[in-house]
Amino acid sequence: MALLEKYGRSDIPRIREEPVPSLRSLNELPELTIEMYRLLAAAHRAHQLAQALQKEFDRLRQWQGTKKLPN
């Protein structure tokens, strides 16, 4: 079970209780964060992870809501 400070506990398979960052679509920073992580994964030949991150990056880019910087 993962621990999300702001949102309480979340049941994420295969993740023990530890701090987990939450990336929200309305935030401007997750796109850049996921893209940087994807590039690092690709550079380290973690191609399956890089492909999964690309899908999440694409989903965030398609979100049409208002975006803002976090407080």
PDB file of N, CA and C in Angstrom:
ATOM      1  N   MET A   1       0.838  -1.175   0.000  1.00  0.00           N
ATOM      2  CA  MET A   1       0.000   0.000   0.000  1.00  0.00           C
ATOM      3  C   MET A   1       0.884   1.240   0.000  1.00  0.00           C
ATOM      4  N   ALA A   2       0.641   2.124  -0.920  1.00  0.00           N
ATOM      5  CA  ALA A   2       1.404   3.364  -1.032  1.00  0.00           C
ATOM      6  C   ALA A   2       0.787   4.424  -0.120  1.00  0.00           C
ATOM      7  N   LEU A   3       1.601   5.336   0.324  1.00  0.00           N
ATOM      8  CA  LEU A   3       1.138   6.406   1.195  1.00  0.00           C
ATOM      9  C   LEU A   3       1.191   7.723   0.435  1.00  0.00           C
ATOM     10  N   LEU A   4       0.040   8.333   0.236  1.00  0.00           N
ATOM     11  CA  LEU A   4      -0.041   9.636  -0.413  1.00  0.00           C
ATOM     12  C   LEU A   4      -0.413  10.642   0.672  1.00  0.00           C
ATOM     13  N   GLU A   5       0.508  11.505   1.029  1.00  0.00           N
ATOM     14  CA  GLU A   5       0.311  12.427   2.151  1.00  0.00           C
ATOM     15  C   GLU A   5      -0.978  13.240   2.036  1.00  0.00           C
ATOM     16  N   LYS A   6      -1.211  13.844   0.884  1.00  0.00           N
ATOM     17  CA  LYS A   6      -2.350  14.737   0.731  1.00  0.00           C
ATOM     18  C   LYS A   6      -3.661  13.972   0.612  1.00  0.00           C
ATOM     19  N   TYR A   7      -3.625  12.803  -0.010  1.00  0.00           N
ATOM     20  CA  TYR A   7      -4.854  12.080  -0.318  1.00  0.00           C
ATOM     21  C   TYR A   7      -5.051  10.823   0.519  1.00  0.00           C
ATOM     22  N   GLY A   8      -4.228  10.600   1.537  1.00  0.00           N
ATOM     23  CA  GLY A   8      -4.372   9.429   2.389  1.00  0.00           C
ATOM     24  C   GLY A   8      -3.684   8.218   1.797  1.00  0.00           C
ATOM     25  N   ARG A   9      -4.203   7.046   2.073  1.00  0.00           N
ATOM     26  CA  ARG A   9      -3.584   5.809   1.591  1.00  0.00           C
ATOM     27  C   ARG A   9      -4.209   5.390   0.273  1.00  0.00           C
ATOM     28  N   SER A  10      -3.399   4.827  -0.567  1.00  0.00           N
ATOM     29  CA  SER A  10      -3.863   4.347  -1.861  1.00  0.00           C
ATOM     30  C   SER A  10      -3.339   2.934  -2.067  1.00  0.00           C
ATOM     31  N   ASP A  11      -4.165   2.054  -2.577  1.00  0.00           N
ATOM     32  CA  ASP A  11      -3.775   0.673  -2.801  1.00  0.00           C
ATOM     33  C   ASP A  11      -3.190   0.540  -4.204  1.00  0.00           C
ATOM     34  N   ILE A  12      -1.871   0.542  -4.291  1.00  0.00           N
ATOM     35  CA  ILE A  12      -1.171   0.390  -5.561  1.00  0.00           C
ATOM     36  C   ILE A  12      -0.436  -0.936  -5.508  1.00  0.00           C
ATOM     37  N   PRO A  13      -0.800  -1.893  -6.383  1.00  0.00           N
ATOM     38  CA  PRO A  13      -0.172  -3.217  -6.337  1.00  0.00           C
ATOM     39  C   PRO A  13       1.351  -3.149  -6.403  1.00  0.00           C
ATOM     40  N   ARG A  14       2.008  -3.992  -5.639  1.00  0.00           N
ATOM     41  CA  ARG A  14       3.456  -4.172  -5.604  1.00  0.00           C
ATOM     42  C   ARG A  14       4.227  -2.963  -5.097  1.00  0.00           C
ATOM     43  N   ILE A  15       3.558  -2.001  -4.469  1.00  0.00           N
ATOM     44  CA  ILE A  15       4.268  -0.867  -3.875  1.00  0.00           C
ATOM     45  C   ILE A  15       3.993  -0.897  -2.382  1.00  0.00           C
ATOM     46  N   ARG A  16       5.058  -0.990  -1.611  1.00  0.00           N
ATOM     47  CA  ARG A  16       4.897  -1.021  -0.157  1.00  0.00           C
ATOM     48  C   ARG A  16       4.537   0.376   0.353  1.00  0.00           C
ATOM     49  N   GLU A  17       4.318   0.499   1.639  1.00  0.00           N
ATOM     50  CA  GLU A  17       3.950   1.796   2.197  1.00  0.00           C
ATOM     51  C   GLU A  17       5.167   2.713   2.192  1.00  0.00           C
ATOM     52  N   GLU A  18       5.113   3.712   1.361  1.00  0.00           N
ATOM     53  CA  GLU A  18       6.200   4.669   1.208  1.00  0.00           C
ATOM     54  C   GLU A  18       5.636   5.933   0.579  1.00  0.00           C
ATOM     55  N   PRO A  19       6.349   7.047   0.648  1.00  0.00           N
ATOM     56  CA  PRO A  19       5.863   8.275   0.009  1.00  0.00           C
ATOM     57  C   PRO A  19       5.757   8.093  -1.508  1.00  0.00           C
ATOM     58  N   VAL A  20       4.656   8.545  -2.071  1.00  0.00           N
ATOM     59  CA  VAL A  20       4.420   8.439  -3.508  1.00  0.00           C
ATOM     60  C   VAL A  20       3.987   9.814  -4.017  1.00  0.00           C
ATOM     61  N   PRO A  21       4.688  10.362  -5.011  1.00  0.00           N
ATOM     62  CA  PRO A  21       4.254  11.655  -5.546  1.00  0.00           C
ATOM     63  C   PRO A  21       2.981  11.492  -6.365  1.00  0.00           C
ATOM     64  N   SER A  22       2.160  12.492  -6.335  1.00  0.00           N
ATOM     65  CA  SER A  22       0.926  12.495  -7.112  1.00  0.00           C
ATOM     66  C   SER A  22       1.065  13.552  -8.201  1.00  0.00           C
ATOM     67  N   LEU A  23       0.937  13.144  -9.454  1.00  0.00           N
ATOM     68  CA  LEU A  23       1.026  14.071 -10.578  1.00  0.00           C
ATOM     69  C   LEU A  23      -0.381  14.284 -11.120  1.00  0.00           C
ATOM     70  N   ARG A  24      -0.853  15.497 -11.075  1.00  0.00           N
ATOM     71  CA  ARG A  24      -2.221  15.794 -11.484  1.00  0.00           C
ATOM     72  C   ARG A  24      -2.243  16.512 -12.820  1.00  0.00           C
ATOM     73  N   SER A  25      -3.281  16.255 -13.608  1.00  0.00           N
ATOM     74  CA  SER A  25      -3.401  16.833 -14.945  1.00  0.00           C
ATOM     75  C   SER A  25      -3.525  18.346 -14.933  1.00  0.00           C
ATOM     76  N   LEU A  26      -4.123  18.914 -13.889  1.00  0.00           N
ATOM     77  CA  LEU A  26      -4.291  20.359 -13.882  1.00  0.00           C
ATOM     78  C   LEU A  26      -3.007  21.101 -13.559  1.00  0.00           C
ATOM     79  N   ASN A  27      -1.994  20.374 -13.153  1.00  0.00           N
ATOM     80  CA  ASN A  27      -0.697  20.951 -12.849  1.00  0.00           C
ATOM     81  C   ASN A  27       0.121  21.042 -14.139  1.00  0.00           C
ATOM     82  N   GLU A  28       0.862  22.117 -14.348  1.00  0.00           N
ATOM     83  CA  GLU A  28       1.677  22.283 -15.557  1.00  0.00           C
ATOM     84  C   GLU A  28       2.937  21.421 -15.554  1.00  0.00           C
ATOM     85  N   LEU A  29       3.399  20.977 -14.393  1.00  0.00           N
ATOM     86  CA  LEU A  29       4.683  20.301 -14.299  1.00  0.00           C
ATOM     87  C   LEU A  29       4.698  18.805 -14.626  1.00  0.00           C
ATOM     88  N   PRO A  30       3.622  18.037 -14.476  1.00  0.00           N
ATOM     89  CA  PRO A  30       3.714  16.597 -14.720  1.00  0.00           C
ATOM     90  C   PRO A  30       4.162  16.216 -16.128  1.00  0.00           C
ATOM     91  N   GLU A  31       3.740  16.970 -17.131  1.00  0.00           N
ATOM     92  CA  GLU A  31       4.179  16.637 -18.498  1.00  0.00           C
ATOM     93  C   GLU A  31       5.700  16.621 -18.582  1.00  0.00           C
ATOM     94  N   LEU A  32       6.329  17.657 -18.063  1.00  0.00           N
ATOM     95  CA  LEU A  32       7.790  17.741 -18.098  1.00  0.00           C
ATOM     96  C   LEU A  32       8.433  16.663 -17.241  1.00  0.00           C
ATOM     97  N   THR A  33       7.848  16.390 -16.085  1.00  0.00           N
ATOM     98  CA  THR A  33       8.389  15.374 -15.179  1.00  0.00           C
ATOM     99  C   THR A  33       8.356  13.998 -15.829  1.00  0.00           C
ATOM    100  N   ILE A  34       7.220  13.640 -16.412  1.00  0.00           N
ATOM    101  CA  ILE A  34       7.089  12.332 -17.057  1.00  0.00           C
ATOM    102  C   ILE A  34       8.003  12.238 -18.266  1.00  0.00           C
ATOM    103  N   GLU A  35       8.103  13.300 -19.043  1.00  0.00           N
ATOM    104  CA  GLU A  35       8.969  13.272 -20.225  1.00  0.00           C
ATOM    105  C   GLU A  35      10.436  13.095 -19.827  1.00  0.00           C
ATOM    106  N   MET A  36      10.885  13.791 -18.785  1.00  0.00           N
ATOM    107  CA  MET A  36      12.276  13.633 -18.334  1.00  0.00           C
ATOM    108  C   MET A  36      12.531  12.207 -17.834  1.00  0.00           C
ATOM    109  N   TYR A  37      11.568  11.662 -17.093  1.00  0.00           N
ATOM    110  CA  TYR A  37      11.713  10.299 -16.586  1.00  0.00           C
ATOM    111  C   TYR A  37      11.720   9.297 -17.741  1.00  0.00           C
ATOM    112  N   ARG A  38      10.894   9.544 -18.766  1.00  0.00           N
ATOM    113  CA  ARG A  38      10.855   8.681 -19.951  1.00  0.00           C
ATOM    114  C   ARG A  38      12.204   8.702 -20.673  1.00  0.00           C
ATOM    115  N   LEU A  39      12.781   9.866 -20.815  1.00  0.00           N
ATOM    116  CA  LEU A  39      14.088   9.981 -21.477  1.00  0.00           C
ATOM    117  C   LEU A  39      15.177   9.253 -20.686  1.00  0.00           C
ATOM    118  N   LEU A  40      15.136   9.360 -19.364  1.00  0.00           N
ATOM    119  CA  LEU A  40      16.096   8.632 -18.534  1.00  0.00           C
ATOM    120  C   LEU A  40      15.902   7.121 -18.662  1.00  0.00           C
ATOM    121  N   ALA A  41      14.656   6.675 -18.678  1.00  0.00           N
ATOM    122  CA  ALA A  41      14.379   5.239 -18.827  1.00  0.00           C
ATOM    123  C   ALA A  41      14.893   4.737 -20.175  1.00  0.00           C
ATOM    124  N   ALA A  42      14.650   5.492 -21.231  1.00  0.00           N
ATOM    125  CA  ALA A  42      15.116   5.097 -22.565  1.00  0.00           C
ATOM    126  C   ALA A  42      16.641   5.066 -22.628  1.00  0.00           C
ATOM    127  N   ALA A  43      17.287   6.034 -21.997  1.00  0.00           N
ATOM    128  CA  ALA A  43      18.743   6.090 -22.006  1.00  0.00           C
ATOM    129  C   ALA A  43      19.362   4.897 -21.272  1.00  0.00           C
ATOM    130  N   HIS A  44      18.606   4.338 -20.331  1.00  0.00           N
ATOM    131  CA  HIS A  44      19.092   3.177 -19.565  1.00  0.00           C
ATOM    132  C   HIS A  44      18.511   1.867 -20.092  1.00  0.00           C
ATOM    133  N   ARG A  45      18.000   1.914 -21.303  1.00  0.00           N
ATOM    134  CA  ARG A  45      17.465   0.746 -22.019  1.00  0.00           C
ATOM    135  C   ARG A  45      16.283   0.085 -21.312  1.00  0.00           C
ATOM    136  N   ALA A  46      15.515   0.866 -20.573  1.00  0.00           N
ATOM    137  CA  ALA A  46      14.284   0.363 -19.957  1.00  0.00           C
ATOM    138  C   ALA A  46      13.140   0.682 -20.915  1.00  0.00           C
ATOM    139  N   HIS A  47      13.151  -0.011 -22.047  1.00  0.00           N
ATOM    140  CA  HIS A  47      12.240   0.323 -23.151  1.00  0.00           C
ATOM    141  C   HIS A  47      10.768   0.109 -22.799  1.00  0.00           C
ATOM    142  N   GLN A  48      10.445  -0.932 -22.039  1.00  0.00           N
ATOM    143  CA  GLN A  48       9.062  -1.180 -21.659  1.00  0.00           C
ATOM    144  C   GLN A  48       8.535  -0.046 -20.771  1.00  0.00           C
ATOM    145  N   LEU A  49       9.350   0.387 -19.825  1.00  0.00           N
ATOM    146  CA  LEU A  49       8.983   1.512 -18.970  1.00  0.00           C
ATOM    147  C   LEU A  49       8.845   2.786 -19.797  1.00  0.00           C
ATOM    148  N   ALA A  50       9.770   3.007 -20.709  1.00  0.00           N
ATOM    149  CA  ALA A  50       9.725   4.207 -21.552  1.00  0.00           C
ATOM    150  C   ALA A  50       8.439   4.243 -22.384  1.00  0.00           C
ATOM    151  N   GLN A  51       8.010   3.097 -22.892  1.00  0.00           N
ATOM    152  CA  GLN A  51       6.765   3.033 -23.673  1.00  0.00           C
ATOM    153  C   GLN A  51       5.556   3.337 -22.798  1.00  0.00           C
ATOM    154  N   ALA A  52       5.534   2.788 -21.581  1.00  0.00           N
ATOM    155  CA  ALA A  52       4.430   3.052 -20.659  1.00  0.00           C
ATOM    156  C   ALA A  52       4.380   4.531 -20.280  1.00  0.00           C
ATOM    157  N   LEU A  53       5.538   5.126 -20.061  1.00  0.00           N
ATOM    158  CA  LEU A  53       5.597   6.550 -19.733  1.00  0.00           C
ATOM    159  C   LEU A  53       5.145   7.406 -20.905  1.00  0.00           C
ATOM    160  N   GLN A  54       5.445   6.987 -22.128  1.00  0.00           N
ATOM    161  CA  GLN A  54       4.996   7.728 -23.309  1.00  0.00           C
ATOM    162  C   GLN A  54       3.471   7.752 -23.372  1.00  0.00           C
ATOM    163  N   LYS A  55       2.827   6.633 -23.029  1.00  0.00           N
ATOM    164  CA  LYS A  55       1.358   6.585 -23.018  1.00  0.00           C
ATOM    165  C   LYS A  55       0.795   7.562 -21.995  1.00  0.00           C
ATOM    166  N   GLU A  56       1.398   7.610 -20.800  1.00  0.00           N
ATOM    167  CA  GLU A  56       0.928   8.535 -19.773  1.00  0.00           C
ATOM    168  C   GLU A  56       1.175   9.988 -20.194  1.00  0.00           C
ATOM    169  N   PHE A  57       2.314  10.245 -20.820  1.00  0.00           N
ATOM    170  CA  PHE A  57       2.634  11.579 -21.322  1.00  0.00           C
ATOM    171  C   PHE A  57       1.583  12.020 -22.343  1.00  0.00           C
ATOM    172  N   ASP A  58       1.232  11.108 -23.253  1.00  0.00           N
ATOM    173  CA  ASP A  58       0.221  11.412 -24.266  1.00  0.00           C
ATOM    174  C   ASP A  58      -1.146  11.692 -23.635  1.00  0.00           C
ATOM    175  N   ARG A  59      -1.497  10.915 -22.601  1.00  0.00           N
ATOM    176  CA  ARG A  59      -2.774  11.139 -21.910  1.00  0.00           C
ATOM    177  C   ARG A  59      -2.805  12.518 -21.253  1.00  0.00           C
ATOM    178  N   LEU A  60      -1.721  12.918 -20.626  1.00  0.00           N
ATOM    179  CA  LEU A  60      -1.662  14.240 -19.988  1.00  0.00           C
ATOM    180  C   LEU A  60      -1.759  15.357 -21.022  1.00  0.00           C
ATOM    181  N   ARG A  61      -1.121  15.172 -22.156  1.00  0.00           N
ATOM    182  CA  ARG A  61      -1.141  16.215 -23.192  1.00  0.00           C
ATOM    183  C   ARG A  61      -2.524  16.393 -23.792  1.00  0.00           C
ATOM    184  N   GLN A  62      -3.341  15.348 -23.768  1.00  0.00           N
ATOM    185  CA  GLN A  62      -4.692  15.416 -24.336  1.00  0.00           C
ATOM    186  C   GLN A  62      -5.709  16.022 -23.373  1.00  0.00           C
ATOM    187  N   TRP A  63      -5.342  16.150 -22.108  1.00  0.00           N
ATOM    188  CA  TRP A  63      -6.284  16.696 -21.134  1.00  0.00           C
ATOM    189  C   TRP A  63      -6.571  18.152 -21.468  1.00  0.00           C
ATOM    190  N   GLN A  64      -7.845  18.522 -21.534  1.00  0.00           N
ATOM    191  CA  GLN A  64      -8.244  19.836 -22.012  1.00  0.00           C
ATOM    192  C   GLN A  64      -8.550  20.862 -20.916  1.00  0.00           C
ATOM    193  N   GLY A  65      -8.463  20.471 -19.662  1.00  0.00           N
ATOM    194  CA  GLY A  65      -8.790  21.390 -18.571  1.00  0.00           C
ATOM    195  C   GLY A  65      -7.752  22.487 -18.389  1.00  0.00           C
ATOM    196  N   THR A  66      -8.076  23.413 -17.511  1.00  0.00           N
ATOM    197  CA  THR A  66      -7.165  24.509 -17.177  1.00  0.00           C
ATOM    198  C   THR A  66      -5.972  23.971 -16.395  1.00  0.00           C
ATOM    199  N   LYS A  67      -4.800  24.483 -16.705  1.00  0.00           N
ATOM    200  CA  LYS A  67      -3.586  24.058 -16.005  1.00  0.00           C
ATOM    201  C   LYS A  67      -3.003  25.245 -15.247  1.00  0.00           C
ATOM    202  N   LYS A  68      -2.322  24.944 -14.144  1.00  0.00           N
ATOM    203  CA  LYS A  68      -1.713  25.990 -13.328  1.00  0.00           C
ATOM    204  C   LYS A  68      -0.462  25.438 -12.671  1.00  0.00           C
ATOM    205  N   LEU A  69       0.362  26.313 -12.135  1.00  0.00           N
ATOM    206  CA  LEU A  69       1.523  25.887 -11.361  1.00  0.00           C
ATOM    207  C   LEU A  69       1.074  25.571  -9.944  1.00  0.00           C
ATOM    208  N   PRO A  70       1.726  24.577  -9.298  1.00  0.00           N
ATOM    209  CA  PRO A  70       1.314  24.249  -7.927  1.00  0.00           C
ATOM    210  C   PRO A  70       1.651  25.371  -6.961  1.00  0.00           C
ATOM    211  N   ASN A  71       0.929  25.411  -5.856  1.00  0.00           N
ATOM    212  CA  ASN A  71       1.178  26.435  -4.827  1.00  0.00           C
ATOM    213  C   ASN A  71       2.402  26.109  -4.038  1.00  0.00           C
TER     214      ASN A  71
END
